[in-house]
Amino acid sequence: ELENQLTTKSKTLDELKQSLALNGGAEETPEALSLRIAELCEMVDSIVSQVAQLKTSMQSILEQWRVYDEVYAEVSLTTTRYLYCIEQCKPSVVSLEALKNQVKTLQ
């Protein structure tokens, strides 16, 4: 979206340059308008550069989040498996009385 807005603003600046060249400007001198337009062009170039850097950073961050999501899913699955194994391997809790009765029965 930012890139589209910058493209639109660049076109507007180009139109201003052409307009200035054709009719010279009524309120300010052509030299002053040319300087202002040149400054605006420099600002647009700077913003375009910043947007490109931001885009690169965002792509890197998105890649890191993708890797995080994959690892998180793997860890979550492994944790679930371990919890299941622990539940299955847990010895049943038996009271001391029940064990004594079982020993008497076996004797």
PDB file of N, CA and C in Angstrom:
ATOM      1  N   GLU A   1       0.829  -1.188   0.000  1.00  0.00           N
ATOM      2  CA  GLU A   1       0.000   0.000   0.000  1.00  0.00           C
ATOM      3  C   GLU A   1       0.874   1.252   0.000  1.00  0.00           C
ATOM      4  N   LEU A   2       1.924   1.241   0.846  1.00  0.00           N
ATOM      5  CA  LEU A   2       2.840   2.385   0.879  1.00  0.00           C
ATOM      6  C   LEU A   2       3.515   2.594  -0.471  1.00  0.00           C
ATOM      7  N   GLU A   3       3.895   1.497  -1.083  1.00  0.00           N
ATOM      8  CA  GLU A   3       4.557   1.604  -2.385  1.00  0.00           C
ATOM      9  C   GLU A   3       3.616   2.217  -3.414  1.00  0.00           C
ATOM     10  N   ASN A   4       2.339   1.825  -3.369  1.00  0.00           N
ATOM     11  CA  ASN A   4       1.366   2.399  -4.304  1.00  0.00           C
ATOM     12  C   ASN A   4       1.185   3.893  -4.050  1.00  0.00           C
ATOM     13  N   GLN A   5       1.120   4.295  -2.780  1.00  0.00           N
ATOM     14  CA  GLN A   5       0.977   5.712  -2.461  1.00  0.00           C
ATOM     15  C   GLN A   5       2.201   6.495  -2.915  1.00  0.00           C
ATOM     16  N   LEU A   6       3.374   5.903  -2.724  1.00  0.00           N
ATOM     17  CA  LEU A   6       4.598   6.587  -3.162  1.00  0.00           C
ATOM     18  C   LEU A   6       4.628   6.744  -4.678  1.00  0.00           C
ATOM     19  N   THR A   7       4.167   5.740  -5.378  1.00  0.00           N
ATOM     20  CA  THR A   7       4.117   5.821  -6.839  1.00  0.00           C
ATOM     21  C   THR A   7       3.184   6.943  -7.267  1.00  0.00           C
ATOM     22  N   THR A   8       2.038   7.036  -6.606  1.00  0.00           N
ATOM     23  CA  THR A   8       1.076   8.099  -6.916  1.00  0.00           C
ATOM     24  C   THR A   8       1.672   9.464  -6.654  1.00  0.00           C
ATOM     25  N   LYS A   9       2.347   9.615  -5.506  1.00  0.00           N
ATOM     26  CA  LYS A   9       2.967  10.900  -5.166  1.00  0.00           C
ATOM     27  C   LYS A   9       4.089  11.250  -6.144  1.00  0.00           C
ATOM     28  N   SER A  10       4.828  10.250  -6.584  1.00  0.00           N
ATOM     29  CA  SER A  10       5.894  10.500  -7.566  1.00  0.00           C
ATOM     30  C   SER A  10       5.306  11.004  -8.875  1.00  0.00           C
ATOM     31  N   LYS A  11       4.193  10.410  -9.277  1.00  0.00           N
ATOM     32  CA  LYS A  11       3.526  10.866 -10.512  1.00  0.00           C
ATOM     33  C   LYS A  11       3.048  12.303 -10.357  1.00  0.00           C
ATOM     34  N   THR A  12       2.515  12.629  -9.169  1.00  0.00           N
ATOM     35  CA  THR A  12       2.058  13.992  -8.911  1.00  0.00           C
ATOM     36  C   THR A  12       3.221  14.971  -8.993  1.00  0.00           C
ATOM     37  N   LEU A  13       4.370  14.583  -8.443  1.00  0.00           N
ATOM     38  CA  LEU A  13       5.554  15.444  -8.523  1.00  0.00           C
ATOM     39  C   LEU A  13       5.998  15.649  -9.972  1.00  0.00           C
ATOM     40  N   ASP A  14       5.958  14.576 -10.734  1.00  0.00           N
ATOM     41  CA  ASP A  14       6.322  14.691 -12.148  1.00  0.00           C
ATOM     42  C   ASP A  14       5.369  15.636 -12.878  1.00  0.00           C
ATOM     43  N   GLU A  15       4.077  15.547 -12.553  1.00  0.00           N
ATOM     44  CA  GLU A  15       3.102  16.450 -13.163  1.00  0.00           C
ATOM     45  C   GLU A  15       3.380  17.898 -12.770  1.00  0.00           C
ATOM     46  N   LEU A  16       3.758  18.099 -11.495  1.00  0.00           N
ATOM     47  CA  LEU A  16       4.109  19.454 -11.053  1.00  0.00           C
ATOM     48  C   LEU A  16       5.321  19.983 -11.813  1.00  0.00           C
ATOM     49  N   LYS A  17       6.301  19.141 -12.016  1.00  0.00           N
ATOM     50  CA  LYS A  17       7.485  19.561 -12.778  1.00  0.00           C
ATOM     51  C   LYS A  17       7.088  19.990 -14.186  1.00  0.00           C
ATOM     52  N   GLN A  18       6.256  19.189 -14.817  1.00  0.00           N
ATOM     53  CA  GLN A  18       5.828  19.505 -16.180  1.00  0.00           C
ATOM     54  C   GLN A  18       5.010  20.795 -16.209  1.00  0.00           C
ATOM     55  N   SER A  19       4.138  20.937 -15.214  1.00  0.00           N
ATOM     56  CA  SER A  19       3.315  22.138 -15.136  1.00  0.00           C
ATOM     57  C   SER A  19       4.182  23.371 -14.929  1.00  0.00           C
ATOM     58  N   LEU A  20       5.175  23.242 -14.074  1.00  0.00           N
ATOM     59  CA  LEU A  20       6.097  24.345 -13.815  1.00  0.00           C
ATOM     60  C   LEU A  20       6.851  24.715 -15.085  1.00  0.00           C
ATOM     61  N   ALA A  21       7.263  23.711 -15.813  1.00  0.00           N
ATOM     62  CA  ALA A  21       8.012  23.976 -17.039  1.00  0.00           C
ATOM     63  C   ALA A  21       7.129  24.672 -18.071  1.00  0.00           C
ATOM     64  N   LEU A  22       5.831  24.350 -18.092  1.00  0.00           N
ATOM     65  CA  LEU A  22       4.942  24.918 -19.094  1.00  0.00           C
ATOM     66  C   LEU A  22       4.508  26.350 -18.768  1.00  0.00           C
ATOM     67  N   ASN A  23       4.054  26.588 -17.526  1.00  0.00           N
ATOM     68  CA  ASN A  23       3.504  27.917 -17.260  1.00  0.00           C
ATOM     69  C   ASN A  23       4.299  28.748 -16.259  1.00  0.00           C
ATOM     70  N   GLY A  24       5.354  28.230 -15.718  1.00  0.00           N
ATOM     71  CA  GLY A  24       6.246  29.051 -14.916  1.00  0.00           C
ATOM     72  C   GLY A  24       5.799  29.362 -13.506  1.00  0.00           C
ATOM     73  N   GLY A  25       4.588  29.139 -13.108  1.00  0.00           N
ATOM     74  CA  GLY A  25       4.119  29.385 -11.738  1.00  0.00           C
ATOM     75  C   GLY A  25       3.832  30.853 -11.497  1.00  0.00           C
ATOM     76  N   ALA A  26       2.704  31.161 -10.924  1.00  0.00           N
ATOM     77  CA  ALA A  26       2.290  32.548 -10.732  1.00  0.00           C
ATOM     78  C   ALA A  26       2.704  33.091  -9.364  1.00  0.00           C
ATOM     79  N   GLU A  27       2.606  32.284  -8.334  1.00  0.00           N
ATOM     80  CA  GLU A  27       2.841  32.789  -6.978  1.00  0.00           C
ATOM     81  C   GLU A  27       4.321  32.846  -6.628  1.00  0.00           C
ATOM     82  N   GLU A  28       5.084  31.841  -6.978  1.00  0.00           N
ATOM     83  CA  GLU A  28       6.503  31.806  -6.639  1.00  0.00           C
ATOM     84  C   GLU A  28       7.321  31.830  -7.917  1.00  0.00           C
ATOM     85  N   THR A  29       8.567  32.144  -7.743  1.00  0.00           N
ATOM     86  CA  THR A  29       9.445  32.159  -8.907  1.00  0.00           C
ATOM     87  C   THR A  29       9.691  30.725  -9.354  1.00  0.00           C
ATOM     88  N   PRO A  30       9.942  30.543 -10.603  1.00  0.00           N
ATOM     89  CA  PRO A  30      10.202  29.190 -11.105  1.00  0.00           C
ATOM     90  C   PRO A  30      11.384  28.529 -10.403  1.00  0.00           C
ATOM     91  N   GLU A  31      12.383  29.333 -10.013  1.00  0.00           N
ATOM     92  CA  GLU A  31      13.546  28.774  -9.340  1.00  0.00           C
ATOM     93  C   GLU A  31      13.167  28.231  -7.955  1.00  0.00           C
ATOM     94  N   ALA A  32      12.332  29.000  -7.244  1.00  0.00           N
ATOM     95  CA  ALA A  32      11.901  28.568  -5.909  1.00  0.00           C
ATOM     96  C   ALA A  32      11.053  27.297  -6.009  1.00  0.00           C
ATOM     97  N   LEU A  33      10.164  27.273  -6.977  1.00  0.00           N
ATOM     98  CA  LEU A  33       9.338  26.070  -7.165  1.00  0.00           C
ATOM     99  C   LEU A  33      10.197  24.881  -7.563  1.00  0.00           C
ATOM    100  N   SER A  34      11.174  25.113  -8.405  1.00  0.00           N
ATOM    101  CA  SER A  34      12.067  24.022  -8.815  1.00  0.00           C
ATOM    102  C   SER A  34      12.823  23.466  -7.618  1.00  0.00           C
ATOM    103  N   LEU A  35      13.274  24.366  -6.731  1.00  0.00           N
ATOM    104  CA  LEU A  35      13.972  23.920  -5.525  1.00  0.00           C
ATOM    105  C   LEU A  35      13.048  23.100  -4.633  1.00  0.00           C
ATOM    106  N   ARG A  36      11.823  23.568  -4.455  1.00  0.00           N
ATOM    107  CA  ARG A  36      10.870  22.844  -3.601  1.00  0.00           C
ATOM    108  C   ARG A  36      10.544  21.482  -4.206  1.00  0.00           C
ATOM    109  N   ILE A  37      10.378  21.440  -5.499  1.00  0.00           N
ATOM    110  CA  ILE A  37      10.074  20.164  -6.151  1.00  0.00           C
ATOM    111  C   ILE A  37      11.270  19.223  -6.036  1.00  0.00           C
ATOM    112  N   ALA A  38      12.473  19.755  -6.174  1.00  0.00           N
ATOM    113  CA  ALA A  38      13.676  18.928  -6.031  1.00  0.00           C
ATOM    114  C   ALA A  38      13.772  18.370  -4.610  1.00  0.00           C
ATOM    115  N   GLU A  39      13.444  19.206  -3.611  1.00  0.00           N
ATOM    116  CA  GLU A  39      13.452  18.731  -2.224  1.00  0.00           C
ATOM    117  C   GLU A  39      12.418  17.629  -2.018  1.00  0.00           C
ATOM    118  N   LEU A  40      11.243  17.849  -2.597  1.00  0.00           N
ATOM    119  CA  LEU A  40      10.192  16.834  -2.481  1.00  0.00           C
ATOM    120  C   LEU A  40      10.616  15.521  -3.144  1.00  0.00           C
ATOM    121  N   CYS A  41      11.277  15.620  -4.272  1.00  0.00           N
ATOM    122  CA  CYS A  41      11.755  14.408  -4.958  1.00  0.00           C
ATOM    123  C   CYS A  41      12.776  13.669  -4.094  1.00  0.00           C
ATOM    124  N   GLU A  42      13.664  14.417  -3.446  1.00  0.00           N
ATOM    125  CA  GLU A  42      14.645  13.799  -2.555  1.00  0.00           C
ATOM    126  C   GLU A  42      13.950  13.109  -1.383  1.00  0.00           C
ATOM    127  N   MET A  43      12.923  13.768  -0.852  1.00  0.00           N
ATOM    128  CA  MET A  43      12.174  13.175   0.253  1.00  0.00           C
ATOM    129  C   MET A  43      11.479  11.890  -0.186  1.00  0.00           C
ATOM    130  N   VAL A  44      10.908  11.906  -1.379  1.00  0.00           N
ATOM    131  CA  VAL A  44      10.243  10.708  -1.902  1.00  0.00           C
ATOM    132  C   VAL A  44      11.248   9.585  -2.076  1.00  0.00           C
ATOM    133  N   ASP A  45      12.418   9.906  -2.616  1.00  0.00           N
ATOM    134  CA  ASP A  45      13.457   8.892  -2.788  1.00  0.00           C
ATOM    135  C   ASP A  45      13.874   8.296  -1.449  1.00  0.00           C
ATOM    136  N   SER A  46      14.006   9.166  -0.448  1.00  0.00           N
ATOM    137  CA  SER A  46      14.363   8.699   0.888  1.00  0.00           C
ATOM    138  C   SER A  46      13.286   7.772   1.444  1.00  0.00           C
ATOM    139  N   ILE A  47      12.034   8.156   1.267  1.00  0.00           N
ATOM    140  CA  ILE A  47      10.930   7.328   1.765  1.00  0.00           C
ATOM    141  C   ILE A  47      10.871   5.997   1.021  1.00  0.00           C
ATOM    142  N   VAL A  48      11.106   6.026  -0.269  1.00  0.00           N
ATOM    143  CA  VAL A  48      11.124   4.778  -1.047  1.00  0.00           C
ATOM    144  C   VAL A  48      12.202   3.844  -0.507  1.00  0.00           C
ATOM    145  N   SER A  49      13.365   4.408  -0.200  1.00  0.00           N
ATOM    146  CA  SER A  49      14.459   3.611   0.355  1.00  0.00           C
ATOM    147  C   SER A  49      14.070   3.029   1.708  1.00  0.00           C
ATOM    148  N   GLN A  50      13.449   3.840   2.552  1.00  0.00           N
ATOM    149  CA  GLN A  50      13.016   3.371   3.865  1.00  0.00           C
ATOM    150  C   GLN A  50      11.975   2.264   3.747  1.00  0.00           C
ATOM    151  N   VAL A  51      11.054   2.419   2.810  1.00  0.00           N
ATOM    152  CA  VAL A  51      10.027   1.396   2.604  1.00  0.00           C
ATOM    153  C   VAL A  51      10.669   0.088   2.146  1.00  0.00           C
ATOM    154  N   ALA A  52      11.672   0.172   1.286  1.00  0.00           N
ATOM    155  CA  ALA A  52      12.365  -1.031   0.831  1.00  0.00           C
ATOM    156  C   ALA A  52      13.059  -1.729   1.999  1.00  0.00           C
ATOM    157  N   GLN A  53      13.697  -0.949   2.874  1.00  0.00           N
ATOM    158  CA  GLN A  53      14.345  -1.527   4.049  1.00  0.00           C
ATOM    159  C   GLN A  53      13.317  -2.163   4.975  1.00  0.00           C
ATOM    160  N   LEU A  54      12.195  -1.486   5.159  1.00  0.00           N
ATOM    161  CA  LEU A  54      11.126  -2.003   6.008  1.00  0.00           C
ATOM    162  C   LEU A  54      10.569  -3.304   5.439  1.00  0.00           C
ATOM    163  N   LYS A  55      10.415  -3.348   4.135  1.00  0.00           N
ATOM    164  CA  LYS A  55       9.899  -4.547   3.482  1.00  0.00           C
ATOM    165  C   LYS A  55      10.843  -5.728   3.702  1.00  0.00           C
ATOM    166  N   THR A  56      12.152  -5.480   3.568  1.00  0.00           N
ATOM    167  CA  THR A  56      13.146  -6.527   3.793  1.00  0.00           C
ATOM    168  C   THR A  56      13.097  -7.012   5.237  1.00  0.00           C
ATOM    169  N   SER A  57      13.006  -6.066   6.166  1.00  0.00           N
ATOM    170  CA  SER A  57      12.928  -6.434   7.590  1.00  0.00           C
ATOM    171  C   SER A  57      11.676  -7.241   7.873  1.00  0.00           C
ATOM    172  N   MET A  58      10.567  -6.826   7.317  1.00  0.00           N
ATOM    173  CA  MET A  58       9.302  -7.525   7.556  1.00  0.00           C
ATOM    174  C   MET A  58       9.345  -8.942   6.979  1.00  0.00           C
ATOM    175  N   GLN A  59       9.962  -9.116   5.830  1.00  0.00           N
ATOM    176  CA  GLN A  59      10.074 -10.453   5.251  1.00  0.00           C
ATOM    177  C   GLN A  59      10.909 -11.350   6.157  1.00  0.00           C
ATOM    178  N   SER A  60      11.980 -10.800   6.703  1.00  0.00           N
ATOM    179  CA  SER A  60      12.822 -11.557   7.621  1.00  0.00           C
ATOM    180  C   SER A  60      12.034 -11.939   8.873  1.00  0.00           C
ATOM    181  N   ILE A  61      11.281 -10.995   9.411  1.00  0.00           N
ATOM    182  CA  ILE A  61      10.484 -11.267  10.610  1.00  0.00           C
ATOM    183  C   ILE A  61       9.420 -12.314  10.321  1.00  0.00           C
ATOM    184  N   LEU A  62       8.767 -12.218   9.180  1.00  0.00           N
ATOM    185  CA  LEU A  62       7.752 -13.207   8.812  1.00  0.00           C
ATOM    186  C   LEU A  62       8.359 -14.604   8.690  1.00  0.00           C
ATOM    187  N   GLU A  63       9.555 -14.684   8.145  1.00  0.00           N
ATOM    188  CA  GLU A  63      10.239 -15.972   8.029  1.00  0.00           C
ATOM    189  C   GLU A  63      10.546 -16.530   9.417  1.00  0.00           C
ATOM    190  N   GLN A  64      11.002 -15.672  10.323  1.00  0.00           N
ATOM    191  CA  GLN A  64      11.294 -16.117  11.679  1.00  0.00           C
ATOM    192  C   GLN A  64      10.024 -16.594  12.381  1.00  0.00           C
ATOM    193  N   TRP A  65       8.898 -15.925  12.179  1.00  0.00           N
ATOM    194  CA  TRP A  65       7.632 -16.369  12.774  1.00  0.00           C
ATOM    195  C   TRP A  65       7.188 -17.701  12.186  1.00  0.00           C
ATOM    196  N   ARG A  66       7.419 -17.892  10.892  1.00  0.00           N
ATOM    197  CA  ARG A  66       7.051 -19.157  10.258  1.00  0.00           C
ATOM    198  C   ARG A  66       7.840 -20.302  10.892  1.00  0.00           C
ATOM    199  N   VAL A  67       9.150 -20.091  11.076  1.00  0.00           N
ATOM    200  CA  VAL A  67       9.994 -21.105  11.709  1.00  0.00           C
ATOM    201  C   VAL A  67       9.531 -21.352  13.140  1.00  0.00           C
ATOM    202  N   TYR A  68       9.205 -20.279  13.850  1.00  0.00           N
ATOM    203  CA  TYR A  68       8.715 -20.414  15.229  1.00  0.00           C
ATOM    204  C   TYR A  68       7.441 -21.257  15.268  1.00  0.00           C
ATOM    205  N   ASP A  69       6.508 -20.973  14.364  1.00  0.00           N
ATOM    206  CA  ASP A  69       5.258 -21.736  14.334  1.00  0.00           C
ATOM    207  C   ASP A  69       5.506 -23.222  14.083  1.00  0.00           C
ATOM    208  N   GLU A  70       6.436 -23.529  13.182  1.00  0.00           N
ATOM    209  CA  GLU A  70       6.750 -24.932  12.896  1.00  0.00           C
ATOM    210  C   GLU A  70       7.337 -25.619  14.129  1.00  0.00           C
ATOM    211  N   VAL A  71       8.299 -24.958  14.772  1.00  0.00           N
ATOM    212  CA  VAL A  71       8.939 -25.540  15.949  1.00  0.00           C
ATOM    213  C   VAL A  71       7.935 -25.664  17.086  1.00  0.00           C
ATOM    214  N   TYR A  72       7.084 -24.668  17.259  1.00  0.00           N
ATOM    215  CA  TYR A  72       6.068 -24.713  18.314  1.00  0.00           C
ATOM    216  C   TYR A  72       5.121 -25.892  18.104  1.00  0.00           C
ATOM    217  N   ALA A  73       4.703 -26.121  16.877  1.00  0.00           N
ATOM    218  CA  ALA A  73       3.816 -27.243  16.583  1.00  0.00           C
ATOM    219  C   ALA A  73       4.508 -28.569  16.913  1.00  0.00           C
ATOM    220  N   GLU A  74       5.780 -28.671  16.553  1.00  0.00           N
ATOM    221  CA  GLU A  74       6.535 -29.894  16.831  1.00  0.00           C
ATOM    222  C   GLU A  74       6.685 -30.121  18.342  1.00  0.00           C
ATOM    223  N   VAL A  75       7.019 -29.070  19.075  1.00  0.00           N
ATOM    224  CA  VAL A  75       7.171 -29.179  20.535  1.00  0.00           C
ATOM    225  C   VAL A  75       5.832 -29.533  21.182  1.00  0.00           C
ATOM    226  N   SER A  76       4.771 -28.923  20.711  1.00  0.00           N
ATOM    227  CA  SER A  76       3.444 -29.204  21.257  1.00  0.00           C
ATOM    228  C   SER A  76       3.063 -30.669  21.043  1.00  0.00           C
ATOM    229  N   LEU A  77       3.324 -31.189  19.864  1.00  0.00           N
ATOM    230  CA  LEU A  77       3.021 -32.582  19.572  1.00  0.00           C
ATOM    231  C   LEU A  77       3.852 -33.517  20.448  1.00  0.00           C
ATOM    232  N   THR A  78       5.143 -33.227  20.574  1.00  0.00           N
ATOM    233  CA  THR A  78       6.018 -34.055  21.404  1.00  0.00           C
ATOM    234  C   THR A  78       5.572 -34.019  22.867  1.00  0.00           C
ATOM    235  N   THR A  79       5.207 -32.855  23.355  1.00  0.00           N
ATOM    236  CA  THR A  79       4.734 -32.730  24.736  1.00  0.00           C
ATOM    237  C   THR A  79       3.470 -33.560  24.948  1.00  0.00           C
ATOM    238  N   THR A  80       2.567 -33.498  24.005  1.00  0.00           N
ATOM    239  CA  THR A  80       1.336 -34.281  24.104  1.00  0.00           C
ATOM    240  C   THR A  80       1.646 -35.774  24.137  1.00  0.00           C
ATOM    241  N   ARG A  81       2.586 -36.205  23.309  1.00  0.00           N
ATOM    242  CA  ARG A  81       2.971 -37.623  23.300  1.00  0.00           C
ATOM    243  C   ARG A  81       3.555 -38.048  24.651  1.00  0.00           C
ATOM    244  N   TYR A  82       4.442 -37.206  25.206  1.00  0.00           N
ATOM    245  CA  TYR A  82       5.041 -37.532  26.498  1.00  0.00           C
ATOM    246  C   TYR A  82       3.999 -37.574  27.606  1.00  0.00           C
ATOM    247  N   LEU A  83       3.071 -36.641  27.586  1.00  0.00           N
ATOM    248  CA  LEU A  83       2.014 -36.647  28.596  1.00  0.00           C
ATOM    249  C   LEU A  83       1.176 -37.921  28.497  1.00  0.00           C
ATOM    250  N   TYR A  84       0.903 -38.345  27.263  1.00  0.00           N
ATOM    251  CA  TYR A  84       0.139 -39.574  27.068  1.00  0.00           C
ATOM    252  C   TYR A  84       0.917 -40.774  27.620  1.00  0.00           C
ATOM    253  N   CYS A  85       2.212 -40.823  27.303  1.00  0.00           N
ATOM    254  CA  CYS A  85       3.049 -41.937  27.793  1.00  0.00           C
ATOM    255  C   CYS A  85       3.111 -41.949  29.315  1.00  0.00           C
ATOM    256  N   ILE A  86       3.253 -40.795  29.920  1.00  0.00           N
ATOM    257  CA  ILE A  86       3.310 -40.721  31.375  1.00  0.00           C
ATOM    258  C   ILE A  86       2.005 -41.227  31.981  1.00  0.00           C
ATOM    259  N   GLU A  87       0.886 -40.833  31.385  1.00  0.00           N
ATOM    260  CA  GLU A  87      -0.409 -41.295  31.892  1.00  0.00           C
ATOM    261  C   GLU A  87      -0.540 -42.815  31.771  1.00  0.00           C
ATOM    262  N   GLN A  88      -0.070 -43.366  30.665  1.00  0.00           N
ATOM    263  CA  GLN A  88      -0.194 -44.800  30.436  1.00  0.00           C
ATOM    264  C   GLN A  88       0.755 -45.599  31.327  1.00  0.00           C
ATOM    265  N   CYS A  89       1.910 -45.031  31.634  1.00  0.00           N
ATOM    266  CA  CYS A  89       2.920 -45.739  32.411  1.00  0.00           C
ATOM    267  C   CYS A  89       2.773 -45.535  33.922  1.00  0.00           C
ATOM    268  N   LYS A  90       1.905 -44.649  34.305  1.00  0.00           N
ATOM    269  CA  LYS A  90       1.744 -44.347  35.732  1.00  0.00           C
ATOM    270  C   LYS A  90       1.163 -45.570  36.448  1.00  0.00           C
ATOM    271  N   PRO A  91       1.822 -46.003  37.519  1.00  0.00           N
ATOM    272  CA  PRO A  91       1.284 -47.147  38.254  1.00  0.00           C
ATOM    273  C   PRO A  91      -0.018 -46.736  38.958  1.00  0.00           C
ATOM    274  N   SER A  92      -0.891 -47.682  39.035  1.00  0.00           N
ATOM    275  CA  SER A  92      -2.145 -47.374  39.707  1.00  0.00           C
ATOM    276  C   SER A  92      -1.874 -47.219  41.205  1.00  0.00           C
ATOM    277  N   VAL A  93      -2.507 -46.279  41.819  1.00  0.00           N
ATOM    278  CA  VAL A  93      -2.298 -46.000  43.235  1.00  0.00           C
ATOM    279  C   VAL A  93      -3.149 -46.980  44.052  1.00  0.00           C
ATOM    280  N   VAL A  94      -2.456 -47.745  44.889  1.00  0.00           N
ATOM    281  CA  VAL A  94      -3.127 -48.752  45.704  1.00  0.00           C
ATOM    282  C   VAL A  94      -2.799 -48.457  47.159  1.00  0.00           C
ATOM    283  N   SER A  95      -3.767 -48.626  48.024  1.00  0.00           N
ATOM    284  CA  SER A  95      -3.535 -48.361  49.440  1.00  0.00           C
ATOM    285  C   SER A  95      -2.742 -49.502  50.068  1.00  0.00           C
ATOM    286  N   LEU A  96      -2.171 -49.226  51.213  1.00  0.00           N
ATOM    287  CA  LEU A  96      -1.391 -50.217  51.945  1.00  0.00           C
ATOM    288  C   LEU A  96      -2.279 -51.402  52.346  1.00  0.00           C
ATOM    289  N   GLU A  97      -3.493 -51.121  52.746  1.00  0.00           N
ATOM    290  CA  GLU A  97      -4.424 -52.182  53.130  1.00  0.00           C
ATOM    291  C   GLU A  97      -4.711 -53.109  51.955  1.00  0.00           C
ATOM    292  N   ALA A  98      -4.919 -52.512  50.794  1.00  0.00           N
ATOM    293  CA  ALA A  98      -5.209 -53.327  49.619  1.00  0.00           C
ATOM    294  C   ALA A  98      -4.017 -54.218  49.293  1.00  0.00           C
ATOM    295  N   LEU A  99      -2.798 -53.696  49.421  1.00  0.00           N
ATOM    296  CA  LEU A  99      -1.605 -54.503  49.158  1.00  0.00           C
ATOM    297  C   LEU A  99      -1.476 -55.639  50.164  1.00  0.00           C
ATOM    298  N   LYS A 100      -1.730 -55.365  51.436  1.00  0.00           N
ATOM    299  CA  LYS A 100      -1.675 -56.433  52.455  1.00  0.00           C
ATOM    300  C   LYS A 100      -2.685 -57.521  52.153  1.00  0.00           C
ATOM    301  N   ASN A 101      -3.877 -57.131  51.767  1.00  0.00           N
ATOM    302  CA  ASN A 101      -4.908 -58.123  51.421  1.00  0.00           C
ATOM    303  C   ASN A 101      -4.503 -58.946  50.218  1.00  0.00           C
ATOM    304  N   GLN A 102      -3.875 -58.299  49.242  1.00  0.00           N
ATOM    305  CA  GLN A 102      -3.421 -59.031  48.054  1.00  0.00           C
ATOM    306  C   GLN A 102      -2.320 -60.004  48.410  1.00  0.00           C
ATOM    307  N   VAL A 103      -1.393 -59.631  49.312  1.00  0.00           N
ATOM    308  CA  VAL A 103      -0.332 -60.508  49.756  1.00  0.00           C
ATOM    309  C   VAL A 103      -0.933 -61.714  50.484  1.00  0.00           C
ATOM    310  N   LYS A 104      -1.897 -61.494  51.367  1.00  0.00           N
ATOM    311  CA  LYS A 104      -2.549 -62.605  52.094  1.00  0.00           C
ATOM    312  C   LYS A 104      -3.232 -63.540  51.120  1.00  0.00           C
ATOM    313  N   THR A 105      -3.883 -62.958  50.117  1.00  0.00           N
ATOM    314  CA  THR A 105      -4.577 -63.779  49.127  1.00  0.00           C
ATOM    315  C   THR A 105      -3.579 -64.634  48.375  1.00  0.00           C
ATOM    316  N   LEU A 106      -2.463 -64.073  47.980  1.00  0.00           N
ATOM    317  CA  LEU A 106      -1.465 -64.823  47.220  1.00  0.00           C
ATOM    318  C   LEU A 106      -0.799 -65.901  48.074  1.00  0.00           C
ATOM    319  N   GLN A 107      -0.652 -65.635  49.362  1.00  0.00           N
ATOM    320  CA  GLN A 107      -0.027 -66.655  50.231  1.00  0.00           C
ATOM    321  C   GLN A 107      -0.970 -67.839  50.357  1.00  0.00           C
TER     322      GLN A 107
END
